[in-house]
Protein backbone atom coordinates (compact mmCIF):
# COMPACT_ATOMS: atom_id res chain seq x y z
CA MET A 1 -27.43 -9.10 2.02
CA PRO A 2 -27.22 -5.93 4.40
CA PRO A 3 -23.72 -4.88 5.59
CA ALA A 4 -22.51 -5.89 9.00
CA PRO A 5 -23.28 -3.54 11.84
CA ALA A 6 -20.09 -1.42 12.97
CA VAL A 7 -18.44 -2.89 15.98
CA ALA A 8 -18.26 0.07 18.27
CA ARG A 9 -14.58 0.70 19.41
CA PRO A 10 -14.71 2.27 22.85
CA GLN A 11 -13.39 5.70 23.24
CA PRO A 12 -9.82 5.10 24.72
CA LYS A 13 -9.38 5.67 28.42
CA ALA A 14 -6.93 3.68 30.04
CA TYR A 15 -3.40 4.43 29.18
CA ASP A 16 -0.95 1.34 28.27
CA PHE A 17 2.01 2.47 30.14
CA VAL A 18 3.98 -0.70 28.93
CA ASN A 19 3.64 0.63 25.47
CA ILE A 20 4.34 4.27 26.46
CA ALA A 21 7.62 3.35 28.40
CA PHE A 22 8.84 1.22 25.44
CA LEU A 23 8.17 3.71 22.71
CA ALA A 24 9.59 6.58 24.84
CA ILE A 25 12.71 4.76 26.01
CA THR A 26 13.81 2.79 22.96
CA PRO A 27 14.42 5.78 20.70
CA LEU A 28 16.64 7.12 23.47
CA ILE A 29 18.63 3.99 23.66
CA ALA A 30 18.79 3.84 20.00
CA VAL A 31 20.00 7.31 19.22
CA LEU A 32 22.03 8.31 22.36
CA GLY A 33 23.35 4.66 23.02
CA THR A 34 24.43 4.15 19.44
CA ALA A 35 25.95 7.52 19.07
CA ALA A 36 27.81 7.05 22.35
CA TYR A 37 29.13 3.62 21.35
CA VAL A 38 30.14 4.79 17.87
CA TRP A 39 31.91 7.81 19.36
CA ARG A 40 33.89 5.62 21.60
CA GLN A 41 34.37 2.41 19.44
CA GLY A 42 33.97 3.79 15.88
CA LEU A 43 31.71 2.00 13.22
CA VAL A 44 32.87 -0.94 11.23
CA TRP A 45 31.34 -2.35 7.84
CA GLN A 46 29.74 -5.49 9.71
CA ASP A 47 27.64 -3.05 11.77
CA ALA A 48 26.16 -1.62 8.70
CA VAL A 49 25.44 -5.00 7.27
CA LEU A 50 23.85 -6.34 10.32
CA PHE A 51 21.64 -3.12 10.57
CA PHE A 52 20.41 -3.52 7.03
CA VAL A 53 19.91 -7.42 7.02
CA MET A 54 17.70 -6.97 10.32
CA TYR A 55 15.96 -3.97 8.88
CA TYR A 56 15.13 -5.82 5.67
CA LEU A 57 14.21 -9.09 7.40
CA THR A 58 12.03 -7.38 9.84
CA GLY A 59 10.51 -5.10 7.39
CA LEU A 60 9.56 -7.93 5.02
CA GLY A 61 8.14 -9.70 7.95
CA ILE A 62 5.85 -6.72 8.41
CA THR A 63 5.06 -5.76 4.91
CA ALA A 64 4.87 -9.25 3.12
CA GLY A 65 3.94 -11.16 6.01
CA TYR A 66 1.90 -9.45 8.55
CA HIS A 67 0.22 -7.16 6.02
CA ARG A 68 0.00 -8.74 2.58
CA TYR A 69 -0.25 -12.42 3.63
CA TYR A 70 -1.99 -12.35 7.12
CA ALA A 71 -4.17 -9.15 6.99
CA HIS A 72 -5.18 -9.35 3.44
CA ARG A 73 -4.43 -12.81 2.30
CA THR A 74 -3.17 -11.63 -1.25
CA TYR A 75 -1.27 -14.71 -1.78
CA GLU A 76 -0.55 -18.19 -0.54
CA CYS A 77 2.72 -19.27 0.74
CA ARG A 78 4.47 -22.49 2.46
CA ARG A 79 5.05 -22.98 5.97
CA PRO A 80 8.90 -22.21 5.99
CA LEU A 81 8.05 -18.75 4.74
CA GLN A 82 5.25 -18.23 7.19
CA LEU A 83 7.66 -19.20 10.04
CA LEU A 84 10.09 -16.67 8.57
CA TYR A 85 7.32 -14.00 8.70
CA LEU A 86 6.14 -14.73 12.22
CA VAL A 87 9.73 -14.78 13.75
CA PHE A 88 10.92 -11.67 12.18
CA GLY A 89 7.63 -9.85 12.20
CA ALA A 90 7.57 -10.33 16.02
CA ALA A 91 11.19 -9.00 15.98
CA ALA A 92 9.94 -5.64 14.48
CA VAL A 93 8.02 -5.36 17.93
CA GLU A 94 4.79 -4.25 16.52
CA ASN A 95 2.58 -6.68 18.34
CA SER A 96 1.82 -10.32 17.38
CA VAL A 97 0.27 -10.81 13.96
CA LEU A 98 -3.19 -11.68 15.52
CA ASN A 99 -3.33 -8.31 17.14
CA TRP A 100 -1.76 -6.51 13.99
CA ALA A 101 -3.99 -8.15 11.38
CA SER A 102 -7.08 -7.33 13.70
CA ASP A 103 -6.37 -3.70 14.01
CA HIS A 104 -5.47 -3.34 10.30
CA ARG A 105 -8.72 -5.13 9.06
CA ASP A 106 -10.68 -2.69 11.27
CA HIS A 107 -8.62 0.08 9.71
CA HIS A 108 -9.64 -0.68 6.32
CA ARG A 109 -13.31 -1.57 7.22
CA TYR A 110 -13.68 1.77 9.12
CA VAL A 111 -11.23 4.01 7.54
CA ASP A 112 -11.63 7.63 8.60
CA ARG A 113 -14.48 6.72 10.99
CA GLU A 114 -14.52 6.49 14.77
CA GLU A 115 -13.82 2.93 14.85
CA ASP A 116 -10.77 3.18 12.72
CA PRO A 117 -8.02 2.37 15.19
CA TYR A 118 -5.47 4.85 13.70
CA ASN A 119 -7.80 7.10 12.26
CA ILE A 120 -5.89 10.13 10.73
CA LEU A 121 -8.88 12.61 11.34
CA ARG A 122 -7.92 12.53 15.01
CA GLY A 123 -4.68 14.01 14.03
CA GLY A 124 -1.29 12.89 12.34
CA LEU A 125 0.52 12.22 15.67
CA TYR A 126 -2.37 10.10 17.02
CA ALA A 127 -2.53 8.02 13.57
CA HIS A 128 1.47 7.89 13.90
CA VAL A 129 1.94 6.55 17.31
CA GLY A 130 -0.65 8.05 19.74
CA TRP A 131 -3.22 5.38 19.37
CA ILE A 132 -0.74 2.79 20.66
CA PHE A 133 -0.68 4.63 24.15
CA TYR A 134 -4.09 3.38 24.94
CA LYS A 135 -5.31 -0.05 25.93
CA ASP A 136 -7.86 -1.87 23.79
CA THR A 137 -10.63 -2.66 26.45
CA ARG A 138 -12.65 -4.90 24.33
CA ASP A 139 -13.03 -8.67 25.25
CA GLN A 140 -10.97 -11.19 23.14
CA LYS A 141 -14.28 -12.53 21.41
CA ARG A 142 -15.13 -8.99 19.98
CA ARG A 143 -11.59 -7.96 19.37
CA PHE A 144 -10.74 -10.95 17.18
CA GLN A 145 -14.12 -11.62 15.32
CA ASN A 146 -12.59 -10.14 12.14
CA VAL A 147 -9.73 -12.61 12.07
CA PRO A 148 -11.58 -15.98 12.48
CA ASP A 149 -8.98 -17.39 9.81
CA LEU A 150 -6.04 -16.47 11.92
CA LEU A 151 -7.51 -18.04 15.11
CA LYS A 152 -7.53 -21.37 13.40
CA ASP A 153 -3.78 -21.25 12.35
CA PRO A 154 -1.49 -23.20 14.72
CA LEU A 155 1.59 -21.15 13.90
CA VAL A 156 -0.13 -17.91 14.44
CA ALA A 157 -1.40 -19.29 17.88
CA TRP A 158 2.25 -20.39 18.66
CA GLN A 159 3.57 -16.90 17.80
CA ASP A 160 0.85 -15.17 19.87
CA ARG A 161 1.50 -17.35 23.09
CA TRP A 162 5.39 -16.88 22.68
CA TYR A 163 5.37 -13.31 21.26
CA LEU A 164 7.60 -11.64 24.09
CA ALA A 165 10.20 -14.59 23.89
CA ILE A 166 10.43 -14.24 20.22
CA VAL A 167 11.09 -10.64 20.41
CA ALA A 168 13.69 -11.09 23.05
CA LEU A 169 15.47 -13.80 21.20
CA ALA A 170 15.03 -12.74 17.35
CA GLY A 171 14.73 -9.05 18.08
CA PHE A 172 17.52 -8.41 20.43
CA GLY A 173 19.33 -11.61 21.09
CA LEU A 174 20.12 -12.64 17.51
CA PRO A 175 21.72 -9.30 16.53
CA THR A 176 23.77 -9.41 19.85
CA LEU A 177 24.94 -12.87 19.07
CA VAL A 178 25.91 -11.94 15.55
CA GLY A 179 27.83 -8.96 16.98
CA ALA A 180 29.53 -11.19 19.29
CA LEU A 181 30.86 -13.12 16.33
CA TYR A 182 32.79 -10.23 14.97
CA GLY A 183 33.63 -9.02 18.61
CA ARG A 184 31.17 -6.28 18.99
CA PRO A 185 28.13 -7.62 21.01
CA LEU A 186 27.12 -4.22 22.13
CA ALA A 187 27.19 -2.98 18.61
CA GLY A 188 24.96 -5.77 17.60
CA LEU A 189 22.56 -4.99 20.42
CA LEU A 190 22.27 -1.22 19.85
CA ILE A 191 22.59 -1.19 15.94
CA GLY A 192 21.00 -4.38 14.82
CA GLY A 193 18.57 -4.41 17.74
CA PHE A 194 17.35 -0.97 19.23
CA LEU A 195 18.19 1.40 16.31
CA ARG A 196 16.98 -1.07 13.69
CA CYS A 197 13.86 -1.57 15.74
CA VAL A 198 13.11 2.11 16.13
CA VAL A 199 13.55 2.84 12.51
CA VAL A 200 11.46 -0.27 11.26
CA GLN A 201 8.60 0.82 13.68
CA HIS A 202 8.41 4.47 12.45
CA MET A 203 8.62 3.42 8.85
CA THR A 204 5.44 1.34 9.61
CA PHE A 205 3.81 4.15 11.59
CA LEU A 206 4.27 6.57 8.61
CA ILE A 207 1.90 4.56 6.42
CA ASN A 208 -0.65 5.27 9.31
CA SER A 209 0.01 8.91 9.37
CA ALA A 210 2.03 10.38 6.41
CA ALA A 211 0.16 8.18 3.63
CA HIS A 212 -3.02 9.51 4.82
CA LEU A 213 -1.87 13.22 4.81
CA TRP A 214 0.49 13.88 1.83
CA GLY A 215 0.34 12.54 -1.94
CA SER A 216 -1.94 11.96 -4.71
CA ARG A 217 -5.31 10.02 -4.72
CA PRO A 218 -5.62 8.69 -8.48
CA TYR A 219 -7.63 5.42 -7.66
CA THR A 220 -10.27 6.75 -5.12
CA GLU A 221 -11.14 9.98 -3.23
CA ASP A 222 -13.47 8.09 -0.87
CA ASN A 223 -10.94 8.07 1.95
CA THR A 224 -7.72 10.03 2.95
CA ALA A 225 -5.17 7.41 1.77
CA ARG A 226 -2.66 8.74 -0.68
CA ASP A 227 -0.07 7.41 -2.98
CA SER A 228 3.56 8.81 -2.24
CA TRP A 229 6.51 7.62 -4.41
CA TRP A 230 8.93 8.98 -1.80
CA LEU A 231 7.32 7.13 1.02
CA GLY A 232 7.53 3.80 -0.91
CA LEU A 233 11.48 4.12 -1.02
CA PHE A 234 11.29 3.71 2.86
CA THR A 235 8.54 1.66 3.52
CA PHE A 236 9.09 -1.54 1.22
CA GLY A 237 6.62 -0.17 -1.31
CA GLU A 238 3.82 0.67 1.10
CA GLY A 239 3.70 4.23 0.19
CA TYR A 240 1.20 3.49 -2.80
CA HIS A 241 -1.34 3.64 -0.17
CA ASN A 242 -4.37 4.96 -2.32
CA PHE A 243 -4.14 2.13 -4.59
CA HIS A 244 -3.76 -0.17 -1.71
CA HIS A 245 -7.05 1.10 -0.05
CA LYS A 246 -8.85 0.78 -3.50
CA PHE A 247 -7.73 -2.72 -4.18
CA GLN A 248 -6.56 -4.28 -0.88
CA ALA A 249 -6.66 -7.76 -2.15
CA ASP A 250 -3.85 -7.12 -4.69
CA TYR A 251 -0.34 -8.40 -3.83
CA ARG A 252 1.13 -5.30 -5.15
CA ASN A 253 1.20 -1.65 -3.95
CA GLY A 254 3.13 -0.11 -6.68
CA ILE A 255 1.61 -1.70 -9.82
CA ARG A 256 3.80 -0.05 -12.42
CA TRP A 257 7.44 -1.64 -13.37
CA TYR A 258 9.31 1.76 -12.23
CA GLN A 259 7.36 1.91 -8.88
CA PHE A 260 9.47 0.96 -6.04
CA ASP A 261 7.96 -1.89 -4.17
CA LEU A 262 10.16 -4.21 -2.47
CA GLY A 263 7.25 -6.30 -1.11
CA LYS A 264 6.03 -7.02 -4.77
CA TRP A 265 9.48 -8.03 -5.80
CA TRP A 266 10.20 -10.23 -2.79
CA LEU A 267 6.96 -12.16 -3.49
CA LEU A 268 7.82 -12.69 -7.05
CA ALA A 269 11.15 -14.05 -6.01
CA MET A 270 9.40 -16.22 -3.47
CA ARG A 271 7.25 -17.51 -6.24
CA ALA A 272 10.07 -18.33 -8.48
CA ILE A 273 11.57 -20.50 -5.71
CA GLY A 274 8.37 -22.23 -4.86
CA GLN A 275 7.60 -20.56 -1.48
CA ALA A 276 4.66 -18.55 -2.67
CA ASP A 277 1.98 -18.84 -5.27
CA ARG A 278 -1.59 -17.54 -6.37
CA LEU A 279 -0.43 -13.96 -6.19
CA ARG A 280 -3.65 -12.05 -6.66
CA LYS A 281 -3.99 -8.91 -8.77
CA ALA A 282 -6.84 -6.52 -9.41
CA PRO A 283 -8.30 -6.72 -12.94
CA GLU A 284 -6.57 -4.22 -15.18
CA PRO A 285 -10.01 -3.00 -16.58
CA LEU A 286 -11.03 -2.21 -13.14
CA ILE A 287 -7.94 -0.20 -12.22
CA LEU A 288 -8.41 1.71 -15.37
CA LYS A 289 -11.95 2.41 -14.58
CA ALA A 290 -11.09 3.61 -10.95
CA ARG A 291 -8.49 6.12 -12.65
CA LEU A 292 -10.96 7.38 -15.21
CA GLU A 293 -13.79 7.94 -12.58
CA VAL A 294 -11.42 9.99 -10.31
CA GLN A 295 -10.17 11.99 -13.30
CA MET A 296 -13.86 12.70 -14.62
CA ARG A 297 -14.85 13.81 -11.10
CA HIS A 298 -12.02 16.26 -11.26
CA VAL A 299 -13.34 17.73 -14.59
CA GLU A 300 -16.85 17.96 -12.90
CA GLN A 301 -15.47 19.85 -9.97
CA LYS A 302 -13.62 22.24 -12.41
CA LEU A 303 -16.82 22.98 -14.26
CA ALA A 304 -18.74 23.50 -11.09
CA ALA A 305 -16.07 25.91 -9.83
CA ALA A 306 -16.11 27.68 -12.99
CA GLN A 307 -20.04 28.12 -12.92
CA ALA A 308 -20.47 26.35 -16.44
CA PRO A 309 -23.54 26.96 -18.28
CA GLU A 310 -25.95 23.69 -18.59
CA ARG A 311 -25.18 23.40 -22.29
CA MET A 312 -21.36 23.34 -21.54
CA TRP A 313 -21.85 20.75 -18.88
CA GLN A 314 -23.83 18.32 -21.39
CA LYS A 315 -21.09 18.84 -24.06
CA VAL A 316 -18.31 18.11 -21.74
CA GLN A 317 -20.09 15.09 -19.95
CA SER A 318 -20.89 13.75 -23.42
CA ARG A 319 -17.15 14.04 -24.57
CA LEU A 320 -15.99 12.45 -21.32
CA GLU A 321 -18.25 9.65 -21.51
CA ALA A 322 -17.43 8.78 -25.12
CA GLY A 323 -13.72 8.95 -24.24
CA ARG A 324 -14.10 6.73 -21.23
CA ARG A 325 -16.20 4.14 -23.21
CA ARG A 326 -13.59 4.16 -26.25
CA LEU A 327 -10.63 3.87 -23.80
CA GLU A 328 -12.23 1.09 -21.75
CA GLY A 329 -13.26 -0.77 -24.79
CA ALA A 330 -9.90 -0.34 -26.59
CA TYR A 331 -8.04 -1.55 -23.44
CA ALA A 332 -10.35 -4.58 -23.06
CA GLN A 333 -9.96 -5.70 -26.77
CA TYR A 334 -6.19 -5.46 -26.40
CA GLN A 335 -6.03 -7.48 -23.26
CA VAL A 336 -8.17 -10.12 -24.63
CA ALA A 337 -6.24 -10.46 -27.86
CA LYS A 338 -2.89 -10.50 -25.87
CA ALA A 339 -4.19 -13.11 -23.40
CA GLU A 340 -5.39 -15.43 -26.24
CA TYR A 341 -2.02 -15.00 -28.21
CA LEU A 342 0.08 -15.88 -25.21
CA ARG A 343 -2.22 -18.79 -24.17
CA ARG A 344 -2.28 -20.50 -27.62
CA LYS A 345 0.92 -19.36 -29.53
CA HIS A 346 2.53 -22.46 -29.08
CA GLU A 347 -0.16 -24.48 -30.79
CA TRP A 348 -0.13 -22.31 -33.84
CA SER A 349 2.01 -22.25 -36.90
CA GLU A 350 4.37 -19.41 -37.49
CA ASP A 351 2.15 -17.90 -40.19
CA VAL A 352 -0.77 -17.74 -37.66
CA ARG A 353 1.39 -16.63 -34.88
CA ARG A 354 2.29 -13.63 -37.17
CA GLN A 355 -1.20 -12.79 -37.97
CA TRP A 356 -2.22 -12.90 -34.22
CA ARG A 357 0.84 -10.74 -33.40
CA GLU A 358 -0.31 -8.15 -36.11
CA GLN A 359 -3.88 -8.13 -34.45
CA VAL A 360 -2.40 -7.59 -31.00
CA GLU A 361 -0.40 -4.84 -32.30
CA ALA A 362 -3.35 -3.22 -34.04
CA HIS A 363 -5.38 -3.37 -30.89
CA GLN A 364 -2.61 -1.89 -28.77
CA ALA A 365 -2.32 0.95 -31.44
CA GLU A 366 -6.05 1.48 -30.95
CA PHE A 367 -5.62 1.60 -27.14
CA ASP A 368 -2.59 4.00 -27.31
CA ASP A 369 -4.61 6.34 -29.68
CA ALA A 370 -7.65 6.30 -27.26
CA ARG A 371 -5.42 7.03 -24.50
CA ARG A 372 -3.74 9.82 -26.29
CA ARG A 373 -7.08 11.34 -27.18
CA TRP A 374 -8.31 11.18 -23.45
CA ASN A 375 -5.12 12.75 -22.24
CA ASP A 376 -5.68 15.58 -24.81
CA LEU A 377 -9.16 16.09 -23.55
CA LEU A 378 -7.95 16.21 -19.95
CA ARG A 379 -5.27 18.63 -20.89
CA ALA A 380 -8.27 20.90 -22.45
CA MET A 381 -10.35 20.53 -19.41
CA ASN A 382 -7.35 21.92 -17.21
CA ARG A 383 -7.42 25.10 -19.23
CA ILE A 384 -11.01 25.72 -17.85
CA PRO A 385 -10.91 29.47 -17.03
CA ARG A 386 -11.80 30.99 -13.62
CA PRO A 387 -15.35 32.34 -13.02
CA SER A 388 -14.18 35.74 -13.68
CA ALA A 389 -13.57 34.99 -17.29
CA GLN A 390 -17.11 33.74 -18.02
CA THR A 391 -17.37 35.31 -21.34
CA ALA A 392 -14.18 33.66 -22.45
CA PHE A 393 -15.36 30.32 -20.99
CA SER A 394 -18.50 30.35 -23.14
CA MET A 395 -16.93 31.11 -26.49
CA ALA A 396 -13.21 30.39 -26.70
CA PHE A 397 -13.13 27.45 -24.37
CA VAL A 398 -16.09 25.76 -26.25
CA VAL A 399 -14.32 26.21 -29.47
CA ASP A 400 -11.24 24.79 -28.03
CA LEU A 401 -12.84 21.70 -26.64
CA LEU A 402 -14.57 20.87 -29.71
CA LYS A 403 -11.26 20.21 -31.40
CA TYR A 404 -10.58 17.24 -29.30
CA LYS A 405 -12.42 14.26 -30.57
CA VAL A 406 -12.54 10.94 -28.67
CA TRP A 407 -13.89 8.63 -31.24
């Protein structure tokens, strides 16, 4: 089936003065107003608690709700959790989920192309916030043709209809009320409302800008999205953006246990209490395959830059292909054995379980050995000399490379 034709996004012409005014005035109120208030009234611990509670609720409304649930459908969740996302996602003041998800699906479909709403190739400032300064002049039928599932959702329709009221009540009224409960309503409005709003917005905007400018691209180099561990610390785990663009149906962004991904951990907690289920994950063999393909491409680029002779190309490519096949095969066997053991261990006797544990351990050892040999091969590739050392390349490097066997 041929791919759908691109829906041309008109060149922005008309300024959206409401958005411009809001994005210009709220930082002034947040910074200058909060600074003046703290200077005169001081800061109490309740102010900090209110800020962080509102920050996490609205941030999770965006990352776990708007992004991972509504835009990408990476899991299923119950109505109470959906309502939480819609209320506090609106309180982040980043538009209704209908508009947000439509823009984001266009971003993934047309990334780094003219139709990408926050195309980084138009500049970091444009991708960060500049794109919001312009009106989307498309009619609603064209604008929302990529979110037919959301158009059928009554809660989404309710939030879109009452978006501004929810912003006022949940985004600014609620923190003001909480502040009033401990005698500081203005602190609640400034710190839990305006300051929190500006911080959450720019944490989200950084994914559109910084996550396309700085970081590594271990899973795909077909677009500008990058993984940045430091950005993940401030954006609920959204900094692992290269992985997300390659595997956007995965509920995780940081897939390793040590990678900070608050959105991932939140969803695991929601599953534990019965509010979320069917958390989708990209198959591990596909993730491994993506990494290996990028690594092999890097080696090929090094060989091309070093002006490697044809015979050298053949030797290296043969080693790389053999190493990749062995690594992928060993990993597949390990995963199959582990899954079978976990699925049936309760049916087996202790003696059978012991034998299967030994098989799983043997497959894991085989995978670990294949991975070690692959890493050794890559380290050898990293020592490819510069073109000026062509003689050393053709002799010493070939001898060195042949030491790394992958079978």
